[in-house]
Protein backbone atom coordinates (compact mmCIF):
# COMPACT_ATOMS: atom_id res chain seq x y z
CA UNK A 1 103.07 89.81 75.34
CA UNK A 2 102.52 90.88 78.83
CA UNK A 3 103.48 87.44 80.29
CA UNK A 4 106.34 87.37 78.24
CA UNK A 5 107.76 90.55 79.52
CA UNK A 6 106.99 89.54 83.07
CA UNK A 7 109.00 86.31 82.42
CA UNK A 8 112.08 88.30 81.09
CA UNK A 9 111.79 91.10 84.12
CA UNK A 10 111.27 88.22 86.51
CA UNK A 11 114.45 86.49 85.12
CA UNK A 12 116.69 89.59 85.16
CA UNK A 13 115.35 90.99 88.64
CA UNK A 14 115.76 87.05 90.16
CA UNK A 15 119.24 86.76 88.64
CA UNK A 16 120.22 90.12 89.82
CA UNK A 17 118.78 89.34 93.38
CA UNK A 18 120.70 86.26 93.34
CA UNK A 19 124.01 88.13 92.58
CA UNK A 20 123.55 90.63 95.25
CA UNK A 21 122.94 88.01 97.97
CA UNK A 22 125.77 86.39 99.51
CA UNK A 23 126.41 82.79 99.55
CA UNK A 24 124.95 80.15 96.96
CA UNK A 25 121.37 80.07 96.49
CA UNK A 26 120.45 76.35 95.72
CA UNK A 27 116.93 77.20 93.74
CA UNK A 28 116.10 76.20 90.35
CA UNK A 29 116.03 78.86 87.24
CA UNK A 30 112.42 78.46 87.22
CA UNK A 31 112.17 79.57 90.59
CA UNK A 32 114.62 82.18 90.15
CA UNK A 33 112.17 83.72 87.54
CA UNK A 34 108.90 83.15 89.95
CA UNK A 35 110.95 85.01 92.57
CA UNK A 36 111.84 87.81 90.29
CA UNK A 37 108.22 88.22 89.09
CA UNK A 38 106.82 88.14 92.53
CA UNK A 39 109.79 90.79 93.59
CA UNK A 40 108.65 92.81 90.77
CA UNK A 41 105.16 92.77 91.89
CA UNK A 42 106.20 93.72 95.56
CA UNK A 43 108.15 96.55 94.21
CA UNK A 44 105.35 97.86 92.18
CA UNK A 45 102.95 97.91 95.01
CA UNK A 46 105.25 99.78 97.49
CA UNK A 47 106.01 102.05 94.49
CA UNK A 48 102.07 102.61 93.98
CA UNK A 49 101.71 103.13 97.76
CA UNK A 50 104.22 105.76 98.15
CA UNK A 51 103.00 107.45 94.65
CA UNK A 52 106.11 106.96 92.51
CA UNK A 53 104.41 104.29 90.20
CA UNK A 54 104.26 106.59 87.48
CA UNK A 55 106.59 109.50 86.68
CA UNK A 56 107.90 111.30 83.62
CA UNK A 57 110.96 109.48 82.13
CA UNK A 58 112.65 106.28 83.65
CA UNK A 59 110.88 104.98 86.59
CA UNK A 60 114.20 104.63 88.38
CA UNK A 61 112.83 104.57 91.81
CA UNK A 62 110.02 101.94 91.04
CA UNK A 63 112.91 99.67 89.29
CA UNK A 64 114.96 99.97 92.51
CA UNK A 65 111.98 98.84 94.64
CA UNK A 66 111.35 96.09 92.26
CA UNK A 67 114.95 94.79 92.80
CA UNK A 68 114.73 95.16 96.53
CA UNK A 69 111.66 93.16 96.49
CA UNK A 70 113.06 90.59 94.32
CA UNK A 71 116.21 90.40 96.73
CA UNK A 72 113.82 90.18 99.81
CA UNK A 73 111.76 87.34 98.10
CA UNK A 74 114.74 85.32 97.19
CA UNK A 75 116.35 85.78 100.53
CA UNK A 76 113.11 84.76 102.02
CA UNK A 77 112.16 81.99 99.50
CA UNK A 78 115.24 80.14 99.32
CA UNK A 79 115.55 78.64 102.76
CA UNK A 80 111.95 77.82 102.51
CA UNK A 81 112.49 75.97 99.52
CA UNK A 82 115.57 74.12 100.98
CA UNK A 83 113.34 73.32 103.66
CA UNK A 84 110.59 71.99 101.40
CA UNK A 85 113.20 69.84 99.66
CA UNK A 86 114.64 68.67 102.58
CA UNK A 87 117.97 70.21 101.76
CA UNK A 88 120.45 72.31 103.61
CA UNK A 89 120.70 76.03 102.82
CA UNK A 90 124.34 76.93 102.41
CA UNK A 91 125.45 80.23 103.50
């Protein structure tokens, strides 16, 4: 069940990250999910590092860091994917 939640969270974070970034990100949906999962892991690591990984109630700080991580991963990963595929990244 943990993998299912990771995929769902990765999809939501990846789509939100793509929506927040300017321009069009020419990456497939499966890569959006992977970038969202990686962003979630990055955000969790940062939250753990600064001591806000577990709080009482909703972990808004951790969720915000997960989204920031997803935006960062999508922003860095999209041009890398375009370069590997041999296509131009449009901004």
